[in-house]
Amino acid sequence: MANNDDLSSIAGLPEELGIDQDLSKSQQQLSVHVDTRRYGKAVTVVSGFDLSKDELRDVASRLKSKLACGGTVEDDSVELQGDHTGRIGDILRDMGYGVQT
């Protein structure tokens, strides 16, 4: 049974559509920047997620797959090996997130 506070009950749409999840993703404003680590290696850091650890690991896995790189989850951010600033914004937008430039 739908809770009166969720969007599905207000909009009259079935919960299976996942409109609540899509809206919560789009309201998150992620920031992307590049850090330099040991030996001058670039690392792309995506921060600003409001997700559980499991959801964040899933997002990191999808990003690593799409960008063909390695990476990890640190605190509430995803670190990807290499400089991916040219492509990461479009990929995150396709996934439903808002990205600050």
PDB file of N, CA and C in Angstrom:
ATOM      1  N   MET A   1       0.836  -1.177   0.000  1.00  0.00           N
ATOM      2  CA  MET A   1       0.000   0.000   0.000  1.00  0.00           C
ATOM      3  C   MET A   1       0.877   1.236   0.000  1.00  0.00           C
ATOM      4  N   ALA A   2       0.535   2.222  -0.782  1.00  0.00           N
ATOM      5  CA  ALA A   2       1.359   3.419  -0.948  1.00  0.00           C
ATOM      6  C   ALA A   2       1.193   4.364   0.224  1.00  0.00           C
ATOM      7  N   ASN A   3       2.266   4.929   0.629  1.00  0.00           N
ATOM      8  CA  ASN A   3       2.315   5.943   1.663  1.00  0.00           C
ATOM      9  C   ASN A   3       1.841   7.260   1.063  1.00  0.00           C
ATOM     10  N   ASN A   4       1.143   8.099   1.834  1.00  0.00           N
ATOM     11  CA  ASN A   4       0.616   9.364   1.316  1.00  0.00           C
ATOM     12  C   ASN A   4       1.714  10.353   0.957  1.00  0.00           C
ATOM     13  N   ASP A   5       2.936  10.136   1.433  1.00  0.00           N
ATOM     14  CA  ASP A   5       4.029  11.064   1.170  1.00  0.00           C
ATOM     15  C   ASP A   5       4.795  10.742  -0.103  1.00  0.00           C
ATOM     16  N   ASP A   6       4.592   9.573  -0.704  1.00  0.00           N
ATOM     17  CA  ASP A   6       5.359   9.265  -1.899  1.00  0.00           C
ATOM     18  C   ASP A   6       4.673   9.807  -3.146  1.00  0.00           C
ATOM     19  N   LEU A   7       5.439  10.040  -4.167  1.00  0.00           N
ATOM     20  CA  LEU A   7       4.951  10.676  -5.382  1.00  0.00           C
ATOM     21  C   LEU A   7       4.008   9.786  -6.176  1.00  0.00           C
ATOM     22  N   SER A   8       4.190   8.490  -6.093  1.00  0.00           N
ATOM     23  CA  SER A   8       3.338   7.573  -6.850  1.00  0.00           C
ATOM     24  C   SER A   8       1.884   7.712  -6.432  1.00  0.00           C
ATOM     25  N   SER A   9       1.641   7.871  -5.137  1.00  0.00           N
ATOM     26  CA  SER A   9       0.265   7.995  -4.674  1.00  0.00           C
ATOM     27  C   SER A   9      -0.339   9.330  -5.087  1.00  0.00           C
ATOM     28  N   ILE A  10       0.465  10.378  -5.126  1.00  0.00           N
ATOM     29  CA  ILE A  10      -0.024  11.697  -5.520  1.00  0.00           C
ATOM     30  C   ILE A  10      -0.291  11.749  -7.017  1.00  0.00           C
ATOM     31  N   ALA A  11       0.627  11.199  -7.799  1.00  0.00           N
ATOM     32  CA  ALA A  11       0.508  11.255  -9.253  1.00  0.00           C
ATOM     33  C   ALA A  11      -0.484  10.236  -9.794  1.00  0.00           C
ATOM     34  N   GLY A  12      -0.810   9.226  -8.992  1.00  0.00           N
ATOM     35  CA  GLY A  12      -1.715   8.196  -9.452  1.00  0.00           C
ATOM     36  C   GLY A  12      -1.050   7.176 -10.355  1.00  0.00           C
ATOM     37  N   LEU A  13       0.270   7.157 -10.361  1.00  0.00           N
ATOM     38  CA  LEU A  13       1.018   6.218 -11.194  1.00  0.00           C
ATOM     39  C   LEU A  13       1.390   4.986 -10.375  1.00  0.00           C
ATOM     40  N   PRO A  14       1.532   3.832 -11.020  1.00  0.00           N
ATOM     41  CA  PRO A  14       1.934   2.626 -10.290  1.00  0.00           C
ATOM     42  C   PRO A  14       3.334   2.768  -9.693  1.00  0.00           C
ATOM     43  N   GLU A  15       3.506   2.183  -8.528  1.00  0.00           N
ATOM     44  CA  GLU A  15       4.814   2.247  -7.853  1.00  0.00           C
ATOM     45  C   GLU A  15       5.905   1.565  -8.661  1.00  0.00           C
ATOM     46  N   GLU A  16       5.527   0.586  -9.506  1.00  0.00           N
ATOM     47  CA  GLU A  16       6.509  -0.156 -10.293  1.00  0.00           C
ATOM     48  C   GLU A  16       7.288   0.732 -11.258  1.00  0.00           C
ATOM     49  N   LEU A  17       6.726   1.879 -11.595  1.00  0.00           N
ATOM     50  CA  LEU A  17       7.418   2.779 -12.520  1.00  0.00           C
ATOM     51  C   LEU A  17       8.658   3.398 -11.896  1.00  0.00           C
ATOM     52  N   GLY A  18       8.713   3.465 -10.574  1.00  0.00           N
ATOM     53  CA  GLY A  18       9.894   3.987  -9.893  1.00  0.00           C
ATOM     54  C   GLY A  18      10.091   5.480 -10.038  1.00  0.00           C
ATOM     55  N   ILE A  19       9.010   6.239 -10.126  1.00  0.00           N
ATOM     56  CA  ILE A  19       9.132   7.687 -10.310  1.00  0.00           C
ATOM     57  C   ILE A  19       9.815   8.351  -9.120  1.00  0.00           C
ATOM     58  N   ASP A  20       9.603   7.797  -7.912  1.00  0.00           N
ATOM     59  CA  ASP A  20      10.253   8.359  -6.723  1.00  0.00           C
ATOM     60  C   ASP A  20      11.768   8.282  -6.831  1.00  0.00           C
ATOM     61  N   GLN A  21      12.280   7.142  -7.306  1.00  0.00           N
ATOM     62  CA  GLN A  21      13.729   6.968  -7.436  1.00  0.00           C
ATOM     63  C   GLN A  21      14.295   7.902  -8.494  1.00  0.00           C
ATOM     64  N   ASP A  22      13.589   8.045  -9.610  1.00  0.00           N
ATOM     65  CA  ASP A  22      14.067   8.916 -10.682  1.00  0.00           C
ATOM     66  C   ASP A  22      14.135  10.364 -10.224  1.00  0.00           C
ATOM     67  N   LEU A  23      13.133  10.815  -9.489  1.00  0.00           N
ATOM     68  CA  LEU A  23      13.133  12.190  -9.013  1.00  0.00           C
ATOM     69  C   LEU A  23      14.214  12.425  -7.969  1.00  0.00           C
ATOM     70  N   SER A  24      14.440  11.452  -7.093  1.00  0.00           N
ATOM     71  CA  SER A  24      15.479  11.635  -6.084  1.00  0.00           C
ATOM     72  C   SER A  24      16.858  11.688  -6.725  1.00  0.00           C
ATOM     73  N   LYS A  25      17.062  10.917  -7.806  1.00  0.00           N
ATOM     74  CA  LYS A  25      18.333  10.971  -8.531  1.00  0.00           C
ATOM     75  C   LYS A  25      18.540  12.343  -9.155  1.00  0.00           C
ATOM     76  N   SER A  26      17.511  12.852  -9.827  1.00  0.00           N
ATOM     77  CA  SER A  26      17.658  14.118 -10.548  1.00  0.00           C
ATOM     78  C   SER A  26      17.845  15.291  -9.607  1.00  0.00           C
ATOM     79  N   GLN A  27      17.399  15.158  -8.364  1.00  0.00           N
ATOM     80  CA  GLN A  27      17.554  16.251  -7.402  1.00  0.00           C
ATOM     81  C   GLN A  27      18.947  16.279  -6.777  1.00  0.00           C
ATOM     82  N   GLN A  28      19.700  15.196  -6.905  1.00  0.00           N
ATOM     83  CA  GLN A  28      21.067  15.174  -6.399  1.00  0.00           C
ATOM     84  C   GLN A  28      21.963  15.946  -7.359  1.00  0.00           C
ATOM     85  N   GLN A  29      22.740  16.866  -6.854  1.00  0.00           N
ATOM     86  CA  GLN A  29      23.678  17.620  -7.682  1.00  0.00           C
ATOM     87  C   GLN A  29      25.081  17.086  -7.414  1.00  0.00           C
ATOM     88  N   LEU A  30      25.587  16.360  -8.369  1.00  0.00           N
ATOM     89  CA  LEU A  30      26.907  15.759  -8.242  1.00  0.00           C
ATOM     90  C   LEU A  30      27.973  16.717  -8.762  1.00  0.00           C
ATOM     91  N   SER A  31      29.133  16.653  -8.163  1.00  0.00           N
ATOM     92  CA  SER A  31      30.257  17.442  -8.665  1.00  0.00           C
ATOM     93  C   SER A  31      31.358  16.484  -9.118  1.00  0.00           C
ATOM     94  N   VAL A  32      32.029  16.890 -10.183  1.00  0.00           N
ATOM     95  CA  VAL A  32      33.087  16.070 -10.782  1.00  0.00           C
ATOM     96  C   VAL A  32      34.362  16.897 -10.823  1.00  0.00           C
ATOM     97  N   HIS A  33      35.445  16.339 -10.324  1.00  0.00           N
ATOM     98  CA  HIS A  33      36.741  17.003 -10.444  1.00  0.00           C
ATOM     99  C   HIS A  33      37.837  15.949 -10.582  1.00  0.00           C
ATOM    100  N   VAL A  34      38.996  16.400 -11.027  1.00  0.00           N
ATOM    101  CA  VAL A  34      40.129  15.495 -11.230  1.00  0.00           C
ATOM    102  C   VAL A  34      41.200  15.822 -10.206  1.00  0.00           C
ATOM    103  N   ASP A  35      41.657  14.790  -9.505  1.00  0.00           N
ATOM    104  CA  ASP A  35      42.770  14.900  -8.566  1.00  0.00           C
ATOM    105  C   ASP A  35      43.981  14.233  -9.193  1.00  0.00           C
ATOM    106  N   THR A  36      45.149  14.590  -8.706  1.00  0.00           N
ATOM    107  CA  THR A  36      46.382  13.936  -9.136  1.00  0.00           C
ATOM    108  C   THR A  36      46.915  13.142  -7.952  1.00  0.00           C
ATOM    109  N   ARG A  37      47.207  11.904  -8.185  1.00  0.00           N
ATOM    110  CA  ARG A  37      47.696  11.018  -7.129  1.00  0.00           C
ATOM    111  C   ARG A  37      49.165  10.715  -7.354  1.00  0.00           C
ATOM    112  N   ARG A  38      49.654   9.710  -6.691  1.00  0.00           N
ATOM    113  CA  ARG A  38      51.068   9.332  -6.788  1.00  0.00           C
ATOM    114  C   ARG A  38      51.506   9.189  -8.228  1.00  0.00           C
ATOM    115  N   TYR A  39      52.710   9.612  -8.474  1.00  0.00           N
ATOM    116  CA  TYR A  39      53.345   9.505  -9.783  1.00  0.00           C
ATOM    117  C   TYR A  39      52.593  10.263 -10.873  1.00  0.00           C
ATOM    118  N   GLY A  40      51.818  11.266 -10.491  1.00  0.00           N
ATOM    119  CA  GLY A  40      51.123  12.103 -11.462  1.00  0.00           C
ATOM    120  C   GLY A  40      49.907  11.470 -12.112  1.00  0.00           C
ATOM    121  N   LYS A  41      49.389  10.393 -11.535  1.00  0.00           N
ATOM    122  CA  LYS A  41      48.227   9.707 -12.109  1.00  0.00           C
ATOM    123  C   LYS A  41      46.954  10.500 -11.819  1.00  0.00           C
ATOM    124  N   ALA A  42      46.116  10.658 -12.840  1.00  0.00           N
ATOM    125  CA  ALA A  42      44.858  11.379 -12.689  1.00  0.00           C
ATOM    126  C   ALA A  42      43.777  10.453 -12.141  1.00  0.00           C
ATOM    127  N   VAL A  43      42.917  11.003 -11.263  1.00  0.00           N
ATOM    128  CA  VAL A  43      41.780  10.276 -10.710  1.00  0.00           C
ATOM    129  C   VAL A  43      40.568  11.188 -10.808  1.00  0.00           C
ATOM    130  N   THR A  44      39.506  10.728 -11.441  1.00  0.00           N
ATOM    131  CA  THR A  44      38.267  11.483 -11.533  1.00  0.00           C
ATOM    132  C   THR A  44      37.421  11.155 -10.309  1.00  0.00           C
ATOM    133  N   VAL A  45      37.019  12.193  -9.561  1.00  0.00           N
ATOM    134  CA  VAL A  45      36.239  12.016  -8.339  1.00  0.00           C
ATOM    135  C   VAL A  45      34.840  12.577  -8.563  1.00  0.00           C
ATOM    136  N   VAL A  46      33.826  11.740  -8.346  1.00  0.00           N
ATOM    137  CA  VAL A  46      32.428  12.148  -8.440  1.00  0.00           C
ATOM    138  C   VAL A  46      31.870  12.124  -7.028  1.00  0.00           C
ATOM    139  N   SER A  47      31.437  13.274  -6.525  1.00  0.00           N
ATOM    140  CA  SER A  47      30.934  13.348  -5.156  1.00  0.00           C
ATOM    141  C   SER A  47      29.556  14.008  -5.130  1.00  0.00           C
ATOM    142  N   GLY A  48      28.897  13.874  -3.985  1.00  0.00           N
ATOM    143  CA  GLY A  48      27.578  14.467  -3.811  1.00  0.00           C
ATOM    144  C   GLY A  48      26.446  13.458  -3.853  1.00  0.00           C
ATOM    145  N   PHE A  49      26.778  12.169  -3.822  1.00  0.00           N
ATOM    146  CA  PHE A  49      25.747  11.134  -3.844  1.00  0.00           C
ATOM    147  C   PHE A  49      25.029  11.070  -2.503  1.00  0.00           C
ATOM    148  N   ASP A  50      23.734  10.813  -2.549  1.00  0.00           N
ATOM    149  CA  ASP A  50      22.937  10.582  -1.352  1.00  0.00           C
ATOM    150  C   ASP A  50      22.347   9.177  -1.467  1.00  0.00           C
ATOM    151  N   LEU A  51      23.251   8.188  -1.428  1.00  0.00           N
ATOM    152  CA  LEU A  51      22.871   6.789  -1.643  1.00  0.00           C
ATOM    153  C   LEU A  51      23.438   5.921  -0.532  1.00  0.00           C
ATOM    154  N   SER A  52      22.855   4.735  -0.374  1.00  0.00           N
ATOM    155  CA  SER A  52      23.425   3.770   0.561  1.00  0.00           C
ATOM    156  C   SER A  52      24.731   3.231  -0.038  1.00  0.00           C
ATOM    157  N   LYS A  53      25.525   2.568   0.768  1.00  0.00           N
ATOM    158  CA  LYS A  53      26.806   2.016   0.300  1.00  0.00           C
ATOM    159  C   LYS A  53      26.596   1.027  -0.845  1.00  0.00           C
ATOM    160  N   ASP A  54      25.570   0.184  -0.731  1.00  0.00           N
ATOM    161  CA  ASP A  54      25.316  -0.802  -1.785  1.00  0.00           C
ATOM    162  C   ASP A  54      24.924  -0.129  -3.093  1.00  0.00           C
ATOM    163  N   GLU A  55      24.069   0.888  -3.022  1.00  0.00           N
ATOM    164  CA  GLU A  55      23.665   1.610  -4.228  1.00  0.00           C
ATOM    165  C   GLU A  55      24.851   2.343  -4.842  1.00  0.00           C
ATOM    166  N   LEU A  56      25.705   2.910  -3.980  1.00  0.00           N
ATOM    167  CA  LEU A  56      26.882   3.621  -4.466  1.00  0.00           C
ATOM    168  C   LEU A  56      27.858   2.664  -5.144  1.00  0.00           C
ATOM    169  N   ARG A  57      28.016   1.474  -4.608  1.00  0.00           N
ATOM    170  CA  ARG A  57      28.873   0.459  -5.246  1.00  0.00           C
ATOM    171  C   ARG A  57      28.319   0.063  -6.616  1.00  0.00           C
ATOM    172  N   ASP A  58      26.986  -0.010  -6.724  1.00  0.00           N
ATOM    173  CA  ASP A  58      26.352  -0.344  -7.991  1.00  0.00           C
ATOM    174  C   ASP A  58      26.599   0.758  -9.023  1.00  0.00           C
ATOM    175  N   VAL A  59      26.477   2.016  -8.601  1.00  0.00           N
ATOM    176  CA  VAL A  59      26.742   3.146  -9.500  1.00  0.00           C
ATOM    177  C   VAL A  59      28.203   3.125  -9.937  1.00  0.00           C
ATOM    178  N   ALA A  60      29.113   2.880  -8.997  1.00  0.00           N
ATOM    179  CA  ALA A  60      30.541   2.820  -9.324  1.00  0.00           C
ATOM    180  C   ALA A  60      30.816   1.701 -10.324  1.00  0.00           C
ATOM    181  N   SER A  61      30.195   0.566 -10.136  1.00  0.00           N
ATOM    182  CA  SER A  61      30.380  -0.558 -11.052  1.00  0.00           C
ATOM    183  C   SER A  61      29.895  -0.204 -12.455  1.00  0.00           C
ATOM    184  N   ARG A  62      28.750   0.444 -12.555  1.00  0.00           N
ATOM    185  CA  ARG A  62      28.224   0.840 -13.862  1.00  0.00           C
ATOM    186  C   ARG A  62      29.136   1.862 -14.530  1.00  0.00           C
ATOM    187  N   LEU A  63      29.653   2.824 -13.759  1.00  0.00           N
ATOM    188  CA  LEU A  63      30.555   3.832 -14.324  1.00  0.00           C
ATOM    189  C   LEU A  63      31.851   3.193 -14.805  1.00  0.00           C
ATOM    190  N   LYS A  64      32.414   2.286 -13.999  1.00  0.00           N
ATOM    191  CA  LYS A  64      33.655   1.619 -14.397  1.00  0.00           C
ATOM    192  C   LYS A  64      33.460   0.812 -15.670  1.00  0.00           C
ATOM    193  N   SER A  65      32.314   0.197 -15.793  1.00  0.00           N
ATOM    194  CA  SER A  65      32.020  -0.587 -16.987  1.00  0.00           C
ATOM    195  C   SER A  65      31.884   0.304 -18.218  1.00  0.00           C
ATOM    196  N   LYS A  66      31.152   1.397 -18.090  1.00  0.00           N
ATOM    197  CA  LYS A  66      30.938   2.293 -19.225  1.00  0.00           C
ATOM    198  C   LYS A  66      32.215   3.011 -19.643  1.00  0.00           C
ATOM    199  N   LEU A  67      33.095   3.305 -18.676  1.00  0.00           N
ATOM    200  CA  LEU A  67      34.316   4.045 -18.974  1.00  0.00           C
ATOM    201  C   LEU A  67      35.526   3.128 -19.162  1.00  0.00           C
ATOM    202  N   ALA A  68      35.344   1.836 -18.982  1.00  0.00           N
ATOM    203  CA  ALA A  68      36.427   0.857 -19.133  1.00  0.00           C
ATOM    204  C   ALA A  68      37.650   1.240 -18.305  1.00  0.00           C
ATOM    205  N   CYS A  69      37.408   1.438 -17.007  1.00  0.00           N
ATOM    206  CA  CYS A  69      38.504   1.822 -16.114  1.00  0.00           C
ATOM    207  C   CYS A  69      38.295   1.160 -14.758  1.00  0.00           C
ATOM    208  N   GLY A  70      39.281   1.290 -13.913  1.00  0.00           N
ATOM    209  CA  GLY A  70      39.175   0.818 -12.545  1.00  0.00           C
ATOM    210  C   GLY A  70      38.700   1.945 -11.653  1.00  0.00           C
ATOM    211  N   GLY A  71      38.356   1.612 -10.434  1.00  0.00           N
ATOM    212  CA  GLY A  71      37.917   2.641  -9.513  1.00  0.00           C
ATOM    213  C   GLY A  71      37.492   2.045  -8.193  1.00  0.00           C
ATOM    214  N   THR A  72      37.048   2.932  -7.291  1.00  0.00           N
ATOM    215  CA  THR A  72      36.652   2.512  -5.957  1.00  0.00           C
ATOM    216  C   THR A  72      35.623   3.483  -5.392  1.00  0.00           C
ATOM    217  N   VAL A  73      35.020   3.081  -4.279  1.00  0.00           N
ATOM    218  CA  VAL A  73      34.096   3.935  -3.544  1.00  0.00           C
ATOM    219  C   VAL A  73      34.806   4.387  -2.282  1.00  0.00           C
ATOM    220  N   GLU A  74      34.888   5.689  -2.072  1.00  0.00           N
ATOM    221  CA  GLU A  74      35.492   6.264  -0.872  1.00  0.00           C
ATOM    222  C   GLU A  74      34.493   7.205  -0.238  1.00  0.00           C
ATOM    223  N   ASP A  75      34.130   6.954   1.021  1.00  0.00           N
ATOM    224  CA  ASP A  75      33.136   7.751   1.743  1.00  0.00           C
ATOM    225  C   ASP A  75      31.860   7.836   0.903  1.00  0.00           C
ATOM    226  N   ASP A  76      31.452   9.031   0.485  1.00  0.00           N
ATOM    227  CA  ASP A  76      30.252   9.198  -0.333  1.00  0.00           C
ATOM    228  C   ASP A  76      30.605   9.636  -1.742  1.00  0.00           C
ATOM    229  N   SER A  77      31.725   9.160  -2.256  1.00  0.00           N
ATOM    230  CA  SER A  77      32.137   9.532  -3.604  1.00  0.00           C
ATOM    231  C   SER A  77      32.684   8.313  -4.338  1.00  0.00           C
ATOM    232  N   VAL A  78      32.749   8.465  -5.657  1.00  0.00           N
ATOM    233  CA  VAL A  78      33.294   7.415  -6.516  1.00  0.00           C
ATOM    234  C   VAL A  78      34.575   7.946  -7.129  1.00  0.00           C
ATOM    235  N   GLU A  79      35.659   7.175  -7.030  1.00  0.00           N
ATOM    236  CA  GLU A  79      36.939   7.549  -7.622  1.00  0.00           C
ATOM    237  C   GLU A  79      37.216   6.618  -8.795  1.00  0.00           C
ATOM    238  N   LEU A  80      37.484   7.210  -9.949  1.00  0.00           N
ATOM    239  CA  LEU A  80      37.737   6.450 -11.171  1.00  0.00           C
ATOM    240  C   LEU A  80      39.148   6.729 -11.662  1.00  0.00           C
ATOM    241  N   GLN A  81      39.853   5.704 -12.063  1.00  0.00           N
ATOM    242  CA  GLN A  81      41.224   5.867 -12.543  1.00  0.00           C
ATOM    243  C   GLN A  81      41.208   6.574 -13.891  1.00  0.00           C
ATOM    244  N   GLY A  82      41.973   7.662 -13.989  1.00  0.00           N
ATOM    245  CA  GLY A  82      42.085   8.401 -15.238  1.00  0.00           C
ATOM    246  C   GLY A  82      41.242   9.669 -15.231  1.00  0.00           C
ATOM    247  N   ASP A  83      41.440  10.495 -16.254  1.00  0.00           N
ATOM    248  CA  ASP A  83      40.694  11.736 -16.421  1.00  0.00           C
ATOM    249  C   ASP A  83      39.525  11.476 -17.370  1.00  0.00           C
ATOM    250  N   HIS A  84      38.328  11.458 -16.820  1.00  0.00           N
ATOM    251  CA  HIS A  84      37.129  11.151 -17.597  1.00  0.00           C
ATOM    252  C   HIS A  84      36.158  12.327 -17.636  1.00  0.00           C
ATOM    253  N   THR A  85      36.668  13.540 -17.436  1.00  0.00           N
ATOM    254  CA  THR A  85      35.784  14.702 -17.376  1.00  0.00           C
ATOM    255  C   THR A  85      35.042  14.941 -18.686  1.00  0.00           C
ATOM    256  N   GLY A  86      35.578  14.494 -19.797  1.00  0.00           N
ATOM    257  CA  GLY A  86      34.918  14.698 -21.084  1.00  0.00           C
ATOM    258  C   GLY A  86      33.667  13.860 -21.271  1.00  0.00           C
ATOM    259  N   ARG A  87      33.601  12.701 -20.620  1.00  0.00           N
ATOM    260  CA  ARG A  87      32.479  11.780 -20.837  1.00  0.00           C
ATOM    261  C   ARG A  87      31.595  11.569 -19.623  1.00  0.00           C
ATOM    262  N   ILE A  88      32.126  11.787 -18.423  1.00  0.00           N
ATOM    263  CA  ILE A  88      31.405  11.395 -17.208  1.00  0.00           C
ATOM    264  C   ILE A  88      30.103  12.174 -17.011  1.00  0.00           C
ATOM    265  N   GLY A  89      30.082  13.446 -17.380  1.00  0.00           N
ATOM    266  CA  GLY A  89      28.873  14.250 -17.213  1.00  0.00           C
ATOM    267  C   GLY A  89      27.708  13.699 -18.005  1.00  0.00           C
ATOM    268  N   ASP A  90      27.943  13.355 -19.255  1.00  0.00           N
ATOM    269  CA  ASP A  90      26.884  12.796 -20.102  1.00  0.00           C
ATOM    270  C   ASP A  90      26.414  11.439 -19.586  1.00  0.00           C
ATOM    271  N   ILE A  91      27.323  10.623 -19.118  1.00  0.00           N
ATOM    272  CA  ILE A  91      26.964   9.302 -18.610  1.00  0.00           C
ATOM    273  C   ILE A  91      26.104   9.444 -17.358  1.00  0.00           C
ATOM    274  N   LEU A  92      26.498  10.336 -16.445  1.00  0.00           N
ATOM    275  CA  LEU A  92      25.716  10.539 -15.227  1.00  0.00           C
ATOM    276  C   LEU A  92      24.336  11.107 -15.540  1.00  0.00           C
ATOM    277  N   ARG A  93      24.261  12.019 -16.505  1.00  0.00           N
ATOM    278  CA  ARG A  93      22.949  12.559 -16.900  1.00  0.00           C
ATOM    279  C   ARG A  93      22.076  11.461 -17.497  1.00  0.00           C
ATOM    280  N   ASP A  94      22.664  10.582 -18.299  1.00  0.00           N
ATOM    281  CA  ASP A  94      21.915   9.453 -18.863  1.00  0.00           C
ATOM    282  C   ASP A  94      21.405   8.521 -17.755  1.00  0.00           C
ATOM    283  N   MET A  95      22.141   8.453 -16.658  1.00  0.00           N
ATOM    284  CA  MET A  95      21.733   7.627 -15.522  1.00  0.00           C
ATOM    285  C   MET A  95      20.688   8.342 -14.676  1.00  0.00           C
ATOM    286  N   GLY A  96      20.406   9.614 -14.964  1.00  0.00           N
ATOM    287  CA  GLY A  96      19.352  10.338 -14.252  1.00  0.00           C
ATOM    288  C   GLY A  96      19.822  11.309 -13.192  1.00  0.00           C
ATOM    289  N   TYR A  97      21.128  11.543 -13.075  1.00  0.00           N
ATOM    290  CA  TYR A  97      21.662  12.435 -12.058  1.00  0.00           C
ATOM    291  C   TYR A  97      21.865  13.838 -12.614  1.00  0.00           C
ATOM    292  N   GLY A  98      21.788  14.838 -11.719  1.00  0.00           N
ATOM    293  CA  GLY A  98      22.149  16.200 -12.082  1.00  0.00           C
ATOM    294  C   GLY A  98      23.632  16.387 -11.830  1.00  0.00           C
ATOM    295  N   VAL A  99      24.305  17.088 -12.726  1.00  0.00           N
ATOM    296  CA  VAL A  99      25.765  17.261 -12.613  1.00  0.00           C
ATOM    297  C   VAL A  99      26.094  18.741 -12.688  1.00  0.00           C
ATOM    298  N   GLN A 100      26.881  19.208 -11.708  1.00  0.00           N
ATOM    299  CA  GLN A 100      27.377  20.578 -11.730  1.00  0.00           C
ATOM    300  C   GLN A 100      28.640  20.628 -12.578  1.00  0.00           C
ATOM    301  N   THR A 101      28.763  21.638 -13.392  1.00  0.00           N
ATOM    302  CA  THR A 101      29.965  21.757 -14.221  1.00  0.00           C
ATOM    303  C   THR A 101      30.920  22.762 -13.646  1.00  0.00           C
TER     304      THR A 101
END
